N, C-alpha and C. Protein backbone atom coordinates (compact mmCIF):
# COMPACT_ATOMS: atom_id res chain seq x y z
N UNK A 1 -29.08 -3.09 -17.76
CA UNK A 1 -27.68 -2.08 -17.71
C UNK A 1 -26.77 -2.39 -19.33
N UNK A 2 -26.34 -3.91 -18.34
CA UNK A 2 -25.44 -4.75 -19.06
C UNK A 2 -24.64 -4.70 -20.60
N UNK A 3 -25.82 -3.32 -21.68
CA UNK A 3 -25.83 -3.09 -22.42
C UNK A 3 -24.48 -1.49 -22.40
N UNK A 4 -24.92 -1.43 -21.77
CA UNK A 4 -24.24 0.50 -21.04
C UNK A 4 -23.45 0.00 -19.97
N UNK A 5 -23.01 -0.76 -19.60
CA UNK A 5 -21.99 -0.24 -18.71
C UNK A 5 -20.64 -1.81 -18.81
N UNK A 6 -19.31 -1.21 -19.35
CA UNK A 6 -18.73 -2.35 -19.97
C UNK A 6 -17.89 -2.98 -18.99
N UNK A 7 -17.48 -3.88 -19.29
CA UNK A 7 -16.88 -5.20 -17.69
C UNK A 7 -15.35 -4.16 -18.09
N UNK A 8 -14.74 -4.23 -18.47
CA UNK A 8 -13.10 -3.68 -18.40
C UNK A 8 -13.17 -2.15 -19.26
N UNK A 9 -12.45 -1.07 -18.29
CA UNK A 9 -12.17 0.03 -19.06
C UNK A 9 -10.30 -0.40 -19.40
N UNK A 10 -9.53 0.11 -20.63
CA UNK A 10 -8.27 0.24 -20.87
C UNK A 10 -8.09 1.40 -20.24
N UNK A 11 -6.42 0.92 -19.11
CA UNK A 11 -5.92 1.80 -19.11
C UNK A 11 -4.99 1.43 -18.66
N UNK A 12 -3.83 2.57 -18.42
CA UNK A 12 -2.21 2.16 -18.87
C UNK A 12 -1.88 1.19 -17.74
N UNK A 13 -1.95 1.04 -16.82
CA UNK A 13 -2.20 -0.29 -15.50
C UNK A 13 -2.68 -1.42 -15.70
N UNK A 14 -3.16 -1.97 -16.61
CA UNK A 14 -3.49 -3.05 -17.29
C UNK A 14 -2.32 -4.30 -17.27
N UNK A 15 -1.34 -4.88 -17.27
CA UNK A 15 -0.67 -5.40 -16.87
C UNK A 15 0.02 -5.67 -15.59
N UNK A 16 0.25 -4.51 -14.93
CA UNK A 16 -0.26 -4.48 -12.91
C UNK A 16 -1.49 -5.16 -12.58
N UNK A 17 -2.18 -4.62 -12.96
CA UNK A 17 -3.22 -5.53 -12.34
C UNK A 17 -3.75 -6.19 -12.53
N UNK A 18 -3.61 -6.87 -13.60
CA UNK A 18 -4.02 -7.97 -12.97
C UNK A 18 -3.24 -9.27 -12.96
N UNK A 19 -1.63 -8.38 -12.23
CA UNK A 19 -1.25 -9.94 -11.55
C UNK A 19 -1.71 -9.91 -10.21
N UNK A 20 -1.70 -10.50 -9.24
CA UNK A 20 -1.87 -11.10 -7.97
C UNK A 20 -1.42 -10.00 -6.99
N UNK A 21 -2.46 -9.67 -6.10
CA UNK A 21 -1.85 -9.09 -5.35
C UNK A 21 -2.01 -9.92 -3.75
N UNK A 22 -0.36 -9.15 -3.24
CA UNK A 22 0.21 -9.79 -1.97
C UNK A 22 -0.70 -8.66 -0.66
N UNK A 23 -1.27 -9.34 -0.16
CA UNK A 23 -1.42 -8.13 1.60
C UNK A 23 -0.90 -8.37 2.34
N UNK A 24 -0.50 -7.36 2.93
CA UNK A 24 0.02 -7.31 4.19
C UNK A 24 -0.07 -6.73 5.23
N UNK A 25 -0.09 -6.99 6.43
CA UNK A 25 -1.02 -6.68 7.48
C UNK A 25 -0.03 -5.30 8.48
N UNK A 26 -0.91 -4.25 8.27
CA UNK A 26 0.09 -3.65 9.49
C UNK A 26 -0.37 -3.96 10.55
N UNK A 27 1.51 -3.89 11.51
CA UNK A 27 0.95 -4.16 13.25
C UNK A 27 0.59 -3.18 13.97
N UNK A 28 -0.18 -3.70 15.24
CA UNK A 28 -1.00 -2.81 16.02
C UNK A 28 0.58 -1.73 16.38
N UNK A 29 0.11 -0.52 16.61
CA UNK A 29 0.86 0.52 17.36
C UNK A 29 0.39 0.70 18.51
N UNK A 30 1.20 0.75 19.44
CA UNK A 30 0.54 1.42 20.71
C UNK A 30 0.97 2.36 20.90
N UNK A 31 0.08 3.48 20.18
CA UNK A 31 0.30 4.81 20.42
C UNK A 31 -1.01 5.99 20.24
N UNK A 32 -1.38 7.42 21.11
CA UNK A 32 -1.77 7.13 21.22
C UNK A 32 -2.51 8.23 19.85
N UNK A 33 -3.46 8.02 18.79
CA UNK A 33 -3.74 8.96 17.74
C UNK A 33 -4.21 9.74 17.68
N UNK A 34 -4.55 10.52 18.91
CA UNK A 34 -5.16 11.44 19.35
C UNK A 34 -4.18 12.77 20.42
N UNK A 35 -2.25 12.18 19.89
CA UNK A 35 -2.16 13.30 19.58
C UNK A 35 -1.21 13.17 18.95
N UNK A 36 -0.20 14.92 18.26
CA UNK A 36 0.01 14.82 17.44
C UNK A 36 1.52 14.20 16.56
N UNK A 37 2.22 14.27 18.77
CA UNK A 37 3.36 13.23 18.12
C UNK A 37 3.07 11.91 17.90
N UNK A 38 2.45 11.07 19.32
CA UNK A 38 2.75 10.16 18.70
C UNK A 38 1.60 9.53 17.15
N UNK A 39 0.67 10.49 16.56
CA UNK A 39 -0.07 10.58 15.51
C UNK A 39 2.05 10.50 13.66
N UNK A 40 2.65 11.23 14.89
CA UNK A 40 3.32 11.28 14.29
C UNK A 40 4.67 9.94 13.41
N UNK A 41 4.43 9.96 14.91
CA UNK A 41 5.20 8.25 15.54
C UNK A 41 4.59 6.93 14.92
N UNK A 42 3.20 6.95 14.81
CA UNK A 42 2.27 6.02 13.73
C UNK A 42 2.60 5.72 12.38
N UNK A 43 2.71 7.18 11.68
CA UNK A 43 2.90 7.16 10.72
C UNK A 43 5.09 6.74 9.72
N UNK A 44 5.49 7.52 10.58
CA UNK A 44 6.70 7.03 10.49
C UNK A 44 6.92 5.00 11.19
N UNK A 45 6.72 4.98 11.42
CA UNK A 45 6.57 3.31 11.66
C UNK A 45 5.86 2.41 10.21
N UNK A 46 4.68 3.32 10.20
CA UNK A 46 4.06 2.18 8.42
C UNK A 46 5.46 2.56 7.17
N UNK A 47 5.72 4.09 6.71
CA UNK A 47 6.13 4.47 6.41
C UNK A 47 7.65 3.53 5.85
N UNK A 48 8.19 2.86 7.51
CA UNK A 48 9.60 1.68 7.00
C UNK A 48 8.50 0.11 6.69
N UNK A 49 7.67 0.14 6.47
CA UNK A 49 6.79 -0.99 7.00
C UNK A 49 6.61 -0.99 5.52
N UNK A 50 5.92 -0.18 4.72
CA UNK A 50 5.82 -0.07 3.47
C UNK A 50 6.78 0.07 2.54
N UNK A 51 7.61 0.74 2.55
CA UNK A 51 9.05 0.71 1.95
C UNK A 51 9.80 -0.12 2.31
N UNK A 52 9.82 -1.10 3.19
CA UNK A 52 10.49 -2.41 3.24
C UNK A 52 9.89 -3.22 2.18
N UNK A 53 8.71 -3.33 2.17
CA UNK A 53 8.19 -4.03 1.51
C UNK A 53 7.96 -4.15 0.29
N UNK A 54 7.93 -3.21 0.10
CA UNK A 54 8.46 -2.34 -1.49
C UNK A 54 9.58 -2.83 -2.45
N UNK A 55 10.25 -2.28 -1.13
CA UNK A 55 11.85 -2.98 -1.53
C UNK A 55 11.85 -5.11 -1.73
N UNK A 56 11.62 -4.96 -0.53
CA UNK A 56 11.60 -6.94 -1.11
C UNK A 56 10.98 -7.43 -2.46
N UNK A 57 10.47 -6.44 -3.13
CA UNK A 57 9.18 -6.68 -4.27
C UNK A 57 10.46 -6.74 -5.02
N UNK A 58 11.47 -5.66 -5.10
CA UNK A 58 12.52 -5.37 -5.56
C UNK A 58 12.20 -4.12 -7.52
N UNK A 59 11.35 -3.58 -6.60
CA UNK A 59 10.64 -2.26 -6.52
C UNK A 59 10.23 -0.88 -6.52
N UNK A 60 11.62 -1.08 -5.54
CA UNK A 60 12.59 -0.15 -4.18
C UNK A 60 12.93 0.18 -4.47
N UNK A 61 13.53 2.00 -4.80
CA UNK A 61 15.14 2.20 -4.94
C UNK A 61 15.81 1.97 -3.10
N UNK A 62 15.06 2.24 -1.96
CA UNK A 62 15.60 2.18 -0.71
C UNK A 62 15.78 0.69 -0.46
N UNK A 63 17.13 0.13 -0.40
CA UNK A 63 17.70 -1.47 0.37
C UNK A 63 17.34 -1.26 1.08
N UNK A 64 16.36 -1.95 2.02
CA UNK A 64 16.17 -1.10 3.97
C UNK A 64 16.81 -2.42 4.53
């Protein structure tokens, strides 16, 4: 199969994918995932974290 399966498939994001990834751990949220309101709260928290990290990289438009 080595002769058939390519090692690399060219794509538009090759430059970005070649960069080292940074790992961010999301904090534990003490909410009940079974309750709709708590799920909304969890997603709001995660959205704030992700937006903050994205803006710290200089790639986001929202500067928190």
